[in-house]
Amino acid sequence: VLQCLELHEQGAPSLPARDWAALLWSVAKCRGTVPDLIARGSRMTLQDESSMTSTDAAKLLWSAATLKWEDQALLQGIVGNRDSVLQGCTLQDLSNMVWASAILGKQ
């Protein structure tokens, strides 16, 4: 993972949305703070909406809510990709997104 991040920082193609979501999820599970590289990468993944699934969006939102990290660029990017994200959305993903939205809305 660290090697992929380092290559990304040196200009290699971006990681897929699944990987950025997993990285942010890992930070949230450890109750850490969001490193700048992961924050930038998580935002950049929103530019390639074709690689984002509903599970990726749910993980990103869950992680942001757990960390109380209300990053407007990330949140607006997910909202901007809502059509592709909601296609094939599972009840679990939808539930996680609604919970995260409620938590982030209280801040």
N, C-alpha and C. Protein backbone atom coordinates (compact mmCIF):
# COMPACT_ATOMS: atom_id res chain seq x y z
N VAL A 1 0.83 -1.18 0.00
CA VAL A 1 0.00 0.00 0.00
C VAL A 1 0.88 1.25 0.00
N LEU A 2 1.87 1.28 0.87
CA LEU A 2 2.74 2.45 0.94
C LEU A 2 3.50 2.66 -0.37
N GLN A 3 3.90 1.56 -1.02
CA GLN A 3 4.58 1.68 -2.30
C GLN A 3 3.65 2.29 -3.35
N CYS A 4 2.39 1.86 -3.38
CA CYS A 4 1.41 2.43 -4.31
C CYS A 4 1.21 3.92 -4.05
N LEU A 5 1.15 4.30 -2.78
CA LEU A 5 1.00 5.71 -2.43
C LEU A 5 2.20 6.52 -2.89
N GLU A 6 3.39 5.94 -2.69
CA GLU A 6 4.60 6.64 -3.10
C GLU A 6 4.65 6.80 -4.62
N LEU A 7 4.30 5.75 -5.36
CA LEU A 7 4.26 5.83 -6.81
C LEU A 7 3.22 6.85 -7.28
N HIS A 8 2.08 6.86 -6.60
CA HIS A 8 1.04 7.82 -6.93
C HIS A 8 1.54 9.24 -6.73
N GLU A 9 2.26 9.46 -5.66
CA GLU A 9 2.79 10.79 -5.35
C GLU A 9 3.82 11.21 -6.40
N GLN A 10 4.46 10.24 -7.04
CA GLN A 10 5.47 10.54 -8.06
C GLN A 10 4.84 10.67 -9.45
N GLY A 11 3.51 10.61 -9.53
CA GLY A 11 2.85 10.84 -10.81
C GLY A 11 2.31 9.60 -11.49
N ALA A 12 2.41 8.45 -10.84
CA ALA A 12 1.84 7.23 -11.43
C ALA A 12 0.32 7.36 -11.48
N PRO A 13 -0.33 6.57 -12.32
CA PRO A 13 -1.80 6.65 -12.38
C PRO A 13 -2.42 6.44 -11.01
N SER A 14 -3.55 7.08 -10.82
CA SER A 14 -4.23 7.03 -9.54
C SER A 14 -4.70 5.61 -9.21
N LEU A 15 -4.78 5.34 -7.95
CA LEU A 15 -5.35 4.08 -7.50
C LEU A 15 -6.85 4.09 -7.78
N PRO A 16 -7.45 2.91 -7.94
CA PRO A 16 -8.91 2.88 -8.13
C PRO A 16 -9.64 3.32 -6.85
N ALA A 17 -10.88 3.71 -7.03
CA ALA A 17 -11.70 4.19 -5.91
C ALA A 17 -11.73 3.18 -4.78
N ARG A 18 -11.79 1.90 -5.10
CA ARG A 18 -11.84 0.85 -4.09
C ARG A 18 -10.65 0.95 -3.14
N ASP A 19 -9.45 1.22 -3.68
CA ASP A 19 -8.24 1.28 -2.86
C ASP A 19 -8.23 2.53 -1.97
N TRP A 20 -8.65 3.68 -2.53
CA TRP A 20 -8.70 4.90 -1.71
C TRP A 20 -9.72 4.75 -0.59
N ALA A 21 -10.87 4.14 -0.93
CA ALA A 21 -11.90 3.92 0.10
C ALA A 21 -11.37 3.00 1.20
N ALA A 22 -10.63 1.96 0.81
CA ALA A 22 -10.07 1.03 1.79
C ALA A 22 -9.03 1.72 2.68
N LEU A 23 -8.22 2.59 2.09
CA LEU A 23 -7.22 3.32 2.88
C LEU A 23 -7.89 4.24 3.90
N LEU A 24 -8.89 4.98 3.45
CA LEU A 24 -9.58 5.88 4.38
C LEU A 24 -10.32 5.09 5.45
N TRP A 25 -10.89 3.95 5.07
CA TRP A 25 -11.58 3.07 6.02
C TRP A 25 -10.59 2.59 7.08
N SER A 26 -9.37 2.25 6.66
CA SER A 26 -8.35 1.78 7.61
C SER A 26 -7.99 2.87 8.61
N VAL A 27 -7.86 4.09 8.13
CA VAL A 27 -7.57 5.22 9.03
C VAL A 27 -8.71 5.38 10.03
N ALA A 28 -9.95 5.26 9.54
CA ALA A 28 -11.11 5.42 10.42
C ALA A 28 -11.16 4.30 11.47
N LYS A 29 -10.86 3.08 11.07
CA LYS A 29 -10.88 1.96 12.03
C LYS A 29 -9.85 2.16 13.13
N CYS A 30 -8.74 2.82 12.80
CA CYS A 30 -7.70 3.10 13.80
C CYS A 30 -7.97 4.39 14.56
N ARG A 31 -9.06 5.08 14.16
CA ARG A 31 -9.42 6.37 14.76
C ARG A 31 -8.27 7.36 14.67
N GLY A 32 -7.58 7.31 13.52
CA GLY A 32 -6.45 8.21 13.31
C GLY A 32 -6.89 9.54 12.72
N THR A 33 -5.92 10.30 12.27
CA THR A 33 -6.22 11.52 11.54
C THR A 33 -5.90 11.24 10.08
N VAL A 34 -6.56 11.94 9.20
CA VAL A 34 -6.42 11.68 7.77
C VAL A 34 -5.14 12.32 7.25
N PRO A 35 -4.17 11.48 6.84
CA PRO A 35 -2.94 12.04 6.26
C PRO A 35 -3.28 12.79 4.97
N ASP A 36 -2.53 13.83 4.69
CA ASP A 36 -2.80 14.67 3.53
C ASP A 36 -2.82 13.87 2.23
N LEU A 37 -1.90 12.94 2.07
CA LEU A 37 -1.84 12.14 0.85
C LEU A 37 -3.12 11.34 0.64
N ILE A 38 -3.63 10.74 1.70
CA ILE A 38 -4.86 9.96 1.59
C ILE A 38 -6.05 10.89 1.36
N ALA A 39 -6.04 12.05 1.97
CA ALA A 39 -7.12 13.03 1.75
C ALA A 39 -7.15 13.45 0.28
N ARG A 40 -5.98 13.80 -0.27
CA ARG A 40 -5.94 14.22 -1.67
C ARG A 40 -6.34 13.07 -2.60
N GLY A 41 -5.85 11.89 -2.32
CA GLY A 41 -6.18 10.74 -3.16
C GLY A 41 -7.65 10.39 -3.11
N SER A 42 -8.23 10.48 -1.94
CA SER A 42 -9.66 10.18 -1.79
C SER A 42 -10.49 11.17 -2.60
N ARG A 43 -10.07 12.42 -2.62
CA ARG A 43 -10.78 13.43 -3.42
C ARG A 43 -10.60 13.18 -4.91
N MET A 44 -9.38 12.80 -5.30
CA MET A 44 -9.09 12.58 -6.72
C MET A 44 -9.85 11.39 -7.29
N THR A 45 -10.14 10.40 -6.47
CA THR A 45 -10.85 9.23 -6.97
C THR A 45 -12.22 9.60 -7.51
N LEU A 46 -12.75 10.71 -7.07
CA LEU A 46 -14.07 11.15 -7.50
C LEU A 46 -14.06 11.66 -8.93
N GLN A 47 -12.89 11.95 -9.47
CA GLN A 47 -12.80 12.42 -10.85
C GLN A 47 -13.09 11.30 -11.84
N ASP A 48 -12.82 10.05 -11.45
CA ASP A 48 -13.07 8.90 -12.32
C ASP A 48 -14.29 8.16 -11.80
N GLU A 49 -15.45 8.69 -12.12
CA GLU A 49 -16.68 8.12 -11.57
C GLU A 49 -16.92 6.68 -12.02
N SER A 50 -16.30 6.27 -13.12
CA SER A 50 -16.54 4.91 -13.60
C SER A 50 -15.95 3.86 -12.67
N SER A 51 -14.96 4.26 -11.86
CA SER A 51 -14.35 3.27 -10.98
C SER A 51 -15.00 3.22 -9.60
N MET A 52 -15.95 4.10 -9.32
CA MET A 52 -16.57 4.14 -8.00
C MET A 52 -17.87 3.34 -7.95
N THR A 53 -17.93 2.44 -7.00
CA THR A 53 -19.15 1.66 -6.78
C THR A 53 -19.89 2.23 -5.57
N SER A 54 -21.08 1.72 -5.33
CA SER A 54 -21.82 2.16 -4.16
C SER A 54 -21.09 1.77 -2.88
N THR A 55 -20.41 0.63 -2.89
CA THR A 55 -19.64 0.21 -1.72
C THR A 55 -18.48 1.16 -1.46
N ASP A 56 -17.82 1.63 -2.51
CA ASP A 56 -16.74 2.60 -2.35
C ASP A 56 -17.26 3.88 -1.72
N ALA A 57 -18.38 4.38 -2.25
CA ALA A 57 -18.97 5.62 -1.72
C ALA A 57 -19.39 5.43 -0.27
N ALA A 58 -19.98 4.28 0.04
CA ALA A 58 -20.41 4.01 1.41
C ALA A 58 -19.21 3.97 2.36
N LYS A 59 -18.11 3.34 1.92
CA LYS A 59 -16.90 3.29 2.76
C LYS A 59 -16.32 4.68 2.97
N LEU A 60 -16.27 5.48 1.89
CA LEU A 60 -15.74 6.84 2.01
C LEU A 60 -16.59 7.66 2.98
N LEU A 61 -17.91 7.58 2.83
CA LEU A 61 -18.80 8.34 3.72
C LEU A 61 -18.74 7.83 5.15
N TRP A 62 -18.75 6.51 5.33
CA TRP A 62 -18.66 5.93 6.68
C TRP A 62 -17.37 6.38 7.35
N SER A 63 -16.28 6.33 6.60
CA SER A 63 -14.98 6.73 7.15
C SER A 63 -14.97 8.20 7.55
N ALA A 64 -15.49 9.04 6.66
CA ALA A 64 -15.53 10.48 6.95
C ALA A 64 -16.37 10.74 8.20
N ALA A 65 -17.51 10.07 8.32
CA ALA A 65 -18.37 10.27 9.49
C ALA A 65 -17.70 9.77 10.76
N THR A 66 -17.07 8.61 10.69
CA THR A 66 -16.39 8.04 11.85
C THR A 66 -15.27 8.95 12.33
N LEU A 67 -14.56 9.55 11.38
CA LEU A 67 -13.45 10.45 11.72
C LEU A 67 -13.91 11.88 12.00
N LYS A 68 -15.22 12.12 11.79
CA LYS A 68 -15.75 13.49 11.90
C LYS A 68 -14.97 14.42 10.99
N TRP A 69 -14.70 13.93 9.77
CA TRP A 69 -13.90 14.62 8.76
C TRP A 69 -14.86 15.10 7.68
N GLU A 70 -15.32 16.32 7.83
CA GLU A 70 -16.30 16.87 6.89
C GLU A 70 -15.57 17.61 5.78
N ASP A 71 -15.02 16.84 4.86
CA ASP A 71 -14.28 17.39 3.73
C ASP A 71 -15.28 17.70 2.61
N GLN A 72 -15.52 18.99 2.38
CA GLN A 72 -16.55 19.39 1.42
C GLN A 72 -16.27 18.90 0.01
N ALA A 73 -15.01 18.90 -0.41
CA ALA A 73 -14.68 18.42 -1.76
C ALA A 73 -15.03 16.94 -1.92
N LEU A 74 -14.74 16.16 -0.89
CA LEU A 74 -15.07 14.73 -0.94
C LEU A 74 -16.58 14.53 -0.95
N LEU A 75 -17.27 15.21 -0.06
CA LEU A 75 -18.73 15.05 0.04
C LEU A 75 -19.42 15.51 -1.23
N GLN A 76 -19.02 16.65 -1.77
CA GLN A 76 -19.63 17.15 -3.01
C GLN A 76 -19.31 16.23 -4.18
N GLY A 77 -18.13 15.66 -4.19
CA GLY A 77 -17.76 14.73 -5.26
C GLY A 77 -18.63 13.49 -5.25
N ILE A 78 -18.92 12.97 -4.08
CA ILE A 78 -19.80 11.80 -3.98
C ILE A 78 -21.21 12.16 -4.43
N VAL A 79 -21.68 13.33 -3.99
CA VAL A 79 -23.00 13.79 -4.42
C VAL A 79 -23.03 13.97 -5.94
N GLY A 80 -21.95 14.50 -6.50
CA GLY A 80 -21.88 14.69 -7.95
C GLY A 80 -21.90 13.40 -8.73
N ASN A 81 -21.46 12.32 -8.11
CA ASN A 81 -21.44 11.00 -8.77
C ASN A 81 -22.62 10.13 -8.35
N ARG A 82 -23.65 10.74 -7.78
CA ARG A 82 -24.74 9.97 -7.18
C ARG A 82 -25.43 9.02 -8.17
N ASP A 83 -25.54 9.42 -9.44
CA ASP A 83 -26.23 8.55 -10.39
C ASP A 83 -25.48 7.23 -10.56
N SER A 84 -24.16 7.30 -10.75
CA SER A 84 -23.40 6.06 -10.92
C SER A 84 -23.28 5.30 -9.62
N VAL A 85 -23.23 6.03 -8.49
CA VAL A 85 -23.08 5.39 -7.18
C VAL A 85 -24.35 4.62 -6.80
N LEU A 86 -25.50 5.19 -7.10
CA LEU A 86 -26.76 4.57 -6.69
C LEU A 86 -27.18 3.38 -7.56
N GLN A 87 -26.56 3.26 -8.74
CA GLN A 87 -26.85 2.10 -9.58
C GLN A 87 -26.27 0.86 -8.90
N GLY A 88 -27.08 -0.12 -8.67
CA GLY A 88 -26.62 -1.35 -8.04
C GLY A 88 -26.34 -1.21 -6.56
N CYS A 89 -26.86 -0.17 -5.94
CA CYS A 89 -26.64 0.08 -4.52
C CYS A 89 -27.35 -0.99 -3.68
N THR A 90 -26.61 -1.57 -2.74
CA THR A 90 -27.21 -2.56 -1.85
C THR A 90 -27.87 -1.85 -0.68
N LEU A 91 -28.73 -2.57 0.03
CA LEU A 91 -29.35 -1.99 1.21
C LEU A 91 -28.32 -1.64 2.28
N GLN A 92 -27.28 -2.46 2.41
CA GLN A 92 -26.22 -2.19 3.38
C GLN A 92 -25.49 -0.90 3.03
N ASP A 93 -25.15 -0.74 1.75
CA ASP A 93 -24.46 0.49 1.33
C ASP A 93 -25.34 1.70 1.57
N LEU A 94 -26.61 1.59 1.20
CA LEU A 94 -27.54 2.70 1.38
C LEU A 94 -27.67 3.05 2.87
N SER A 95 -27.77 2.02 3.69
CA SER A 95 -27.87 2.22 5.14
C SER A 95 -26.63 2.95 5.67
N ASN A 96 -25.45 2.52 5.24
CA ASN A 96 -24.21 3.17 5.68
C ASN A 96 -24.14 4.62 5.22
N MET A 97 -24.59 4.88 3.99
CA MET A 97 -24.56 6.24 3.47
C MET A 97 -25.53 7.15 4.22
N VAL A 98 -26.72 6.63 4.53
CA VAL A 98 -27.69 7.42 5.28
C VAL A 98 -27.18 7.72 6.68
N TRP A 99 -26.63 6.70 7.36
CA TRP A 99 -26.05 6.90 8.70
C TRP A 99 -24.95 7.96 8.66
N ALA A 100 -24.04 7.82 7.70
CA ALA A 100 -22.92 8.76 7.60
C ALA A 100 -23.42 10.18 7.32
N SER A 101 -24.42 10.30 6.46
CA SER A 101 -24.98 11.61 6.14
C SER A 101 -25.60 12.24 7.39
N ALA A 102 -26.28 11.43 8.19
CA ALA A 102 -26.88 11.94 9.41
C ALA A 102 -25.81 12.41 10.39
N ILE A 103 -24.76 11.65 10.54
CA ILE A 103 -23.66 12.02 11.45
C ILE A 103 -22.98 13.30 10.97
N LEU A 104 -22.67 13.35 9.68
CA LEU A 104 -21.98 14.52 9.15
C LEU A 104 -22.88 15.75 9.18
N GLY A 105 -24.18 15.55 9.06
CA GLY A 105 -25.12 16.67 9.10
C GLY A 105 -25.25 17.30 10.46
N LYS A 106 -24.85 16.59 11.53
CA LYS A 106 -24.93 17.11 12.90
C LYS A 106 -23.76 18.01 13.25
N GLN A 107 -22.73 17.96 12.44
CA GLN A 107 -21.51 18.72 12.77
C GLN A 107 -21.65 20.17 12.40
